[in-house]
Amino acid sequence: MASRPPENATPVSDDVARGRWMTIQASRFAGFALVVLGILLVRDVVDIAGETNHLIGYVFIVVGLADGFIVPQVLARKWRTPPA
């Protein structure tokens, strides 16, 4: 059944929970930093890719949005404490 917790579900310590929380927050921060860098590339404020600056900027924006919104939800779902 999908509603039952896995057989090997054990509670995690506070240190593990804190580390997981920090990982989720770092993922959000890195994602939005990529979005800002992508915007700077598209606006030609930063030039690191030459002629493909705009393309790389748009890729950074898409990847950053996914990293900022989707990855934290996936990690939280993976690390969620099962119901007792």
N, C-alpha and C. Protein backbone atom coordinates (compact mmCIF):
# COMPACT_ATOMS: atom_id res chain seq x y z
N MET A 1 0.83 -1.18 0.00
CA MET A 1 0.00 0.00 0.00
C MET A 1 0.87 1.24 0.00
N ALA A 2 0.39 2.26 -0.62
CA ALA A 2 1.16 3.49 -0.70
C ALA A 2 1.10 4.30 0.59
N SER A 3 0.11 4.06 1.44
CA SER A 3 -0.04 4.87 2.63
C SER A 3 0.81 4.38 3.80
N ARG A 4 1.37 3.18 3.68
CA ARG A 4 2.19 2.66 4.77
C ARG A 4 3.63 3.13 4.61
N PRO A 5 4.29 3.43 5.73
CA PRO A 5 5.71 3.81 5.63
C PRO A 5 6.55 2.59 5.28
N PRO A 6 7.71 2.81 4.69
CA PRO A 6 8.59 1.68 4.38
C PRO A 6 9.00 0.94 5.64
N GLU A 7 9.32 -0.31 5.49
CA GLU A 7 9.68 -1.14 6.63
C GLU A 7 10.94 -0.65 7.34
N ASN A 8 11.86 -0.08 6.60
CA ASN A 8 13.13 0.35 7.19
C ASN A 8 13.12 1.83 7.56
N ALA A 9 11.94 2.43 7.73
CA ALA A 9 11.85 3.85 8.07
C ALA A 9 12.23 4.06 9.53
N THR A 10 13.34 4.75 9.73
CA THR A 10 13.78 5.07 11.08
C THR A 10 13.87 6.57 11.20
N PRO A 11 13.58 7.12 12.37
CA PRO A 11 13.71 8.57 12.53
C PRO A 11 15.16 9.00 12.39
N VAL A 12 15.35 10.19 11.87
CA VAL A 12 16.70 10.72 11.67
C VAL A 12 17.04 11.66 12.81
N SER A 13 18.32 11.85 13.05
CA SER A 13 18.77 12.74 14.12
C SER A 13 18.60 14.20 13.70
N ASP A 14 18.74 15.07 14.66
CA ASP A 14 18.63 16.50 14.38
C ASP A 14 19.73 16.98 13.45
N ASP A 15 20.91 16.40 13.55
CA ASP A 15 22.01 16.80 12.67
C ASP A 15 21.71 16.43 11.22
N VAL A 16 21.16 15.26 11.00
CA VAL A 16 20.80 14.83 9.64
C VAL A 16 19.69 15.72 9.10
N ALA A 17 18.70 16.00 9.92
CA ALA A 17 17.59 16.86 9.48
C ALA A 17 18.10 18.26 9.15
N ARG A 18 19.00 18.78 9.96
CA ARG A 18 19.56 20.11 9.72
C ARG A 18 20.37 20.12 8.41
N GLY A 19 21.12 19.07 8.17
CA GLY A 19 21.88 18.97 6.93
C GLY A 19 20.99 18.90 5.71
N ARG A 20 19.89 18.15 5.83
CA ARG A 20 18.94 18.07 4.71
C ARG A 20 18.29 19.41 4.45
N TRP A 21 17.94 20.12 5.53
CA TRP A 21 17.34 21.44 5.38
C TRP A 21 18.31 22.39 4.70
N MET A 22 19.58 22.34 5.11
CA MET A 22 20.60 23.20 4.49
C MET A 22 20.78 22.86 3.01
N THR A 23 20.70 21.58 2.67
CA THR A 23 20.83 21.17 1.28
C THR A 23 19.68 21.73 0.44
N ILE A 24 18.48 21.67 0.98
CA ILE A 24 17.32 22.22 0.26
C ILE A 24 17.47 23.73 0.08
N GLN A 25 17.90 24.43 1.13
CA GLN A 25 18.08 25.87 1.03
C GLN A 25 19.20 26.23 0.05
N ALA A 26 20.28 25.47 0.07
CA ALA A 26 21.39 25.72 -0.87
C ALA A 26 20.94 25.50 -2.30
N SER A 27 20.09 24.51 -2.52
CA SER A 27 19.57 24.25 -3.86
C SER A 27 18.73 25.44 -4.33
N ARG A 28 17.89 25.96 -3.45
CA ARG A 28 17.09 27.14 -3.81
C ARG A 28 17.98 28.33 -4.13
N PHE A 29 18.96 28.58 -3.28
CA PHE A 29 19.85 29.72 -3.47
C PHE A 29 20.63 29.59 -4.78
N ALA A 30 21.17 28.40 -5.05
CA ALA A 30 21.93 28.19 -6.28
C ALA A 30 21.05 28.36 -7.51
N GLY A 31 19.81 27.90 -7.41
CA GLY A 31 18.90 28.05 -8.54
C GLY A 31 18.63 29.50 -8.87
N PHE A 32 18.34 30.28 -7.85
CA PHE A 32 18.04 31.67 -8.12
C PHE A 32 19.28 32.49 -8.46
N ALA A 33 20.44 32.05 -8.00
CA ALA A 33 21.69 32.69 -8.43
C ALA A 33 21.91 32.43 -9.92
N LEU A 34 21.58 31.22 -10.38
CA LEU A 34 21.68 30.91 -11.82
C LEU A 34 20.71 31.76 -12.62
N VAL A 35 19.52 32.00 -12.10
CA VAL A 35 18.55 32.85 -12.79
C VAL A 35 19.11 34.26 -12.94
N VAL A 36 19.67 34.80 -11.88
CA VAL A 36 20.23 36.16 -11.93
C VAL A 36 21.38 36.22 -12.93
N LEU A 37 22.26 35.21 -12.89
CA LEU A 37 23.36 35.17 -13.85
C LEU A 37 22.84 35.06 -15.28
N GLY A 38 21.80 34.26 -15.48
CA GLY A 38 21.20 34.15 -16.81
C GLY A 38 20.63 35.46 -17.30
N ILE A 39 19.97 36.19 -16.42
CA ILE A 39 19.42 37.49 -16.80
C ILE A 39 20.55 38.46 -17.16
N LEU A 40 21.64 38.43 -16.37
CA LEU A 40 22.78 39.29 -16.69
C LEU A 40 23.40 38.93 -18.03
N LEU A 41 23.43 37.65 -18.37
CA LEU A 41 23.97 37.23 -19.66
C LEU A 41 23.06 37.68 -20.80
N VAL A 42 21.76 37.53 -20.64
CA VAL A 42 20.82 37.92 -21.69
C VAL A 42 20.85 39.43 -21.92
N ARG A 43 21.03 40.19 -20.85
CA ARG A 43 21.05 41.65 -20.96
C ARG A 43 22.43 42.19 -21.35
N ASP A 44 23.38 41.31 -21.61
CA ASP A 44 24.75 41.68 -22.01
C ASP A 44 25.48 42.50 -20.95
N VAL A 45 25.15 42.30 -19.70
CA VAL A 45 25.87 42.94 -18.61
C VAL A 45 27.16 42.17 -18.34
N VAL A 46 27.07 40.85 -18.46
CA VAL A 46 28.22 39.96 -18.28
C VAL A 46 28.46 39.25 -19.60
N ASP A 47 29.72 39.17 -20.00
CA ASP A 47 30.04 38.49 -21.26
C ASP A 47 31.02 37.36 -20.96
N ILE A 48 30.50 36.13 -20.88
CA ILE A 48 31.38 34.99 -20.63
C ILE A 48 31.33 33.97 -21.75
N ALA A 49 30.35 34.08 -22.64
CA ALA A 49 30.20 33.07 -23.66
C ALA A 49 30.31 33.62 -25.07
N GLY A 50 30.68 34.85 -25.22
CA GLY A 50 30.85 35.43 -26.55
C GLY A 50 29.54 35.55 -27.30
N GLU A 51 29.51 34.98 -28.52
CA GLU A 51 28.33 35.10 -29.37
C GLU A 51 27.14 34.30 -28.87
N THR A 52 27.40 33.28 -28.07
CA THR A 52 26.30 32.45 -27.57
C THR A 52 25.84 32.92 -26.18
N ASN A 53 26.14 34.15 -25.85
CA ASN A 53 25.79 34.70 -24.54
C ASN A 53 24.29 34.60 -24.27
N HIS A 54 23.46 34.96 -25.23
CA HIS A 54 22.01 34.95 -25.04
C HIS A 54 21.50 33.52 -24.85
N LEU A 55 21.97 32.62 -25.67
CA LEU A 55 21.53 31.22 -25.56
C LEU A 55 21.91 30.63 -24.20
N ILE A 56 23.14 30.84 -23.80
CA ILE A 56 23.59 30.33 -22.50
C ILE A 56 22.80 31.00 -21.38
N GLY A 57 22.49 32.28 -21.53
CA GLY A 57 21.70 32.98 -20.53
C GLY A 57 20.31 32.39 -20.37
N TYR A 58 19.65 32.08 -21.48
CA TYR A 58 18.33 31.48 -21.40
C TYR A 58 18.39 30.06 -20.81
N VAL A 59 19.42 29.33 -21.13
CA VAL A 59 19.58 28.00 -20.54
C VAL A 59 19.78 28.12 -19.03
N PHE A 60 20.60 29.07 -18.59
CA PHE A 60 20.81 29.28 -17.16
C PHE A 60 19.51 29.65 -16.46
N ILE A 61 18.68 30.47 -17.11
CA ILE A 61 17.41 30.86 -16.50
C ILE A 61 16.50 29.64 -16.32
N VAL A 62 16.39 28.82 -17.34
CA VAL A 62 15.52 27.63 -17.26
C VAL A 62 16.04 26.65 -16.22
N VAL A 63 17.34 26.38 -16.26
CA VAL A 63 17.92 25.44 -15.29
C VAL A 63 17.83 26.01 -13.87
N GLY A 64 18.04 27.30 -13.71
CA GLY A 64 17.94 27.93 -12.40
C GLY A 64 16.53 27.88 -11.83
N LEU A 65 15.54 28.10 -12.68
CA LEU A 65 14.15 28.01 -12.21
C LEU A 65 13.81 26.58 -11.79
N ALA A 66 14.27 25.62 -12.56
CA ALA A 66 14.03 24.22 -12.19
C ALA A 66 14.75 23.89 -10.88
N ASP A 67 15.97 24.37 -10.75
CA ASP A 67 16.75 24.11 -9.53
C ASP A 67 16.16 24.83 -8.33
N GLY A 68 15.56 25.97 -8.54
CA GLY A 68 15.00 26.73 -7.43
C GLY A 68 13.62 26.29 -6.99
N PHE A 69 12.83 25.73 -7.92
CA PHE A 69 11.46 25.36 -7.59
C PHE A 69 11.22 23.86 -7.53
N ILE A 70 11.79 23.10 -8.45
CA ILE A 70 11.47 21.67 -8.55
C ILE A 70 12.36 20.82 -7.66
N VAL A 71 13.65 21.05 -7.68
CA VAL A 71 14.58 20.21 -6.92
C VAL A 71 14.29 20.24 -5.41
N PRO A 72 14.01 21.39 -4.79
CA PRO A 72 13.69 21.35 -3.36
C PRO A 72 12.44 20.52 -3.04
N GLN A 73 11.45 20.57 -3.91
CA GLN A 73 10.25 19.77 -3.68
C GLN A 73 10.54 18.28 -3.80
N VAL A 74 11.36 17.91 -4.76
CA VAL A 74 11.73 16.51 -4.92
C VAL A 74 12.51 16.02 -3.71
N LEU A 75 13.46 16.82 -3.25
CA LEU A 75 14.24 16.43 -2.08
C LEU A 75 13.37 16.34 -0.83
N ALA A 76 12.46 17.30 -0.65
CA ALA A 76 11.59 17.27 0.53
C ALA A 76 10.68 16.05 0.49
N ARG A 77 10.19 15.70 -0.67
CA ARG A 77 9.35 14.51 -0.79
C ARG A 77 10.15 13.24 -0.51
N LYS A 78 11.39 13.22 -0.98
CA LYS A 78 12.24 12.05 -0.75
C LYS A 78 12.57 11.89 0.73
N TRP A 79 12.81 12.99 1.42
CA TRP A 79 13.27 12.96 2.81
C TRP A 79 12.13 13.14 3.81
N ARG A 80 10.88 13.17 3.34
CA ARG A 80 9.76 13.39 4.24
C ARG A 80 9.68 12.30 5.28
N THR A 81 9.38 12.67 6.51
CA THR A 81 9.20 11.72 7.58
C THR A 81 7.91 10.96 7.35
N PRO A 82 7.96 9.65 7.34
CA PRO A 82 6.73 8.89 7.08
C PRO A 82 5.75 9.04 8.26
N PRO A 83 4.47 8.97 7.97
CA PRO A 83 3.49 9.07 9.06
C PRO A 83 3.62 7.91 10.02
N ALA A 84 3.38 8.19 11.28
CA ALA A 84 3.53 7.14 12.31
C ALA A 84 2.40 6.15 12.30
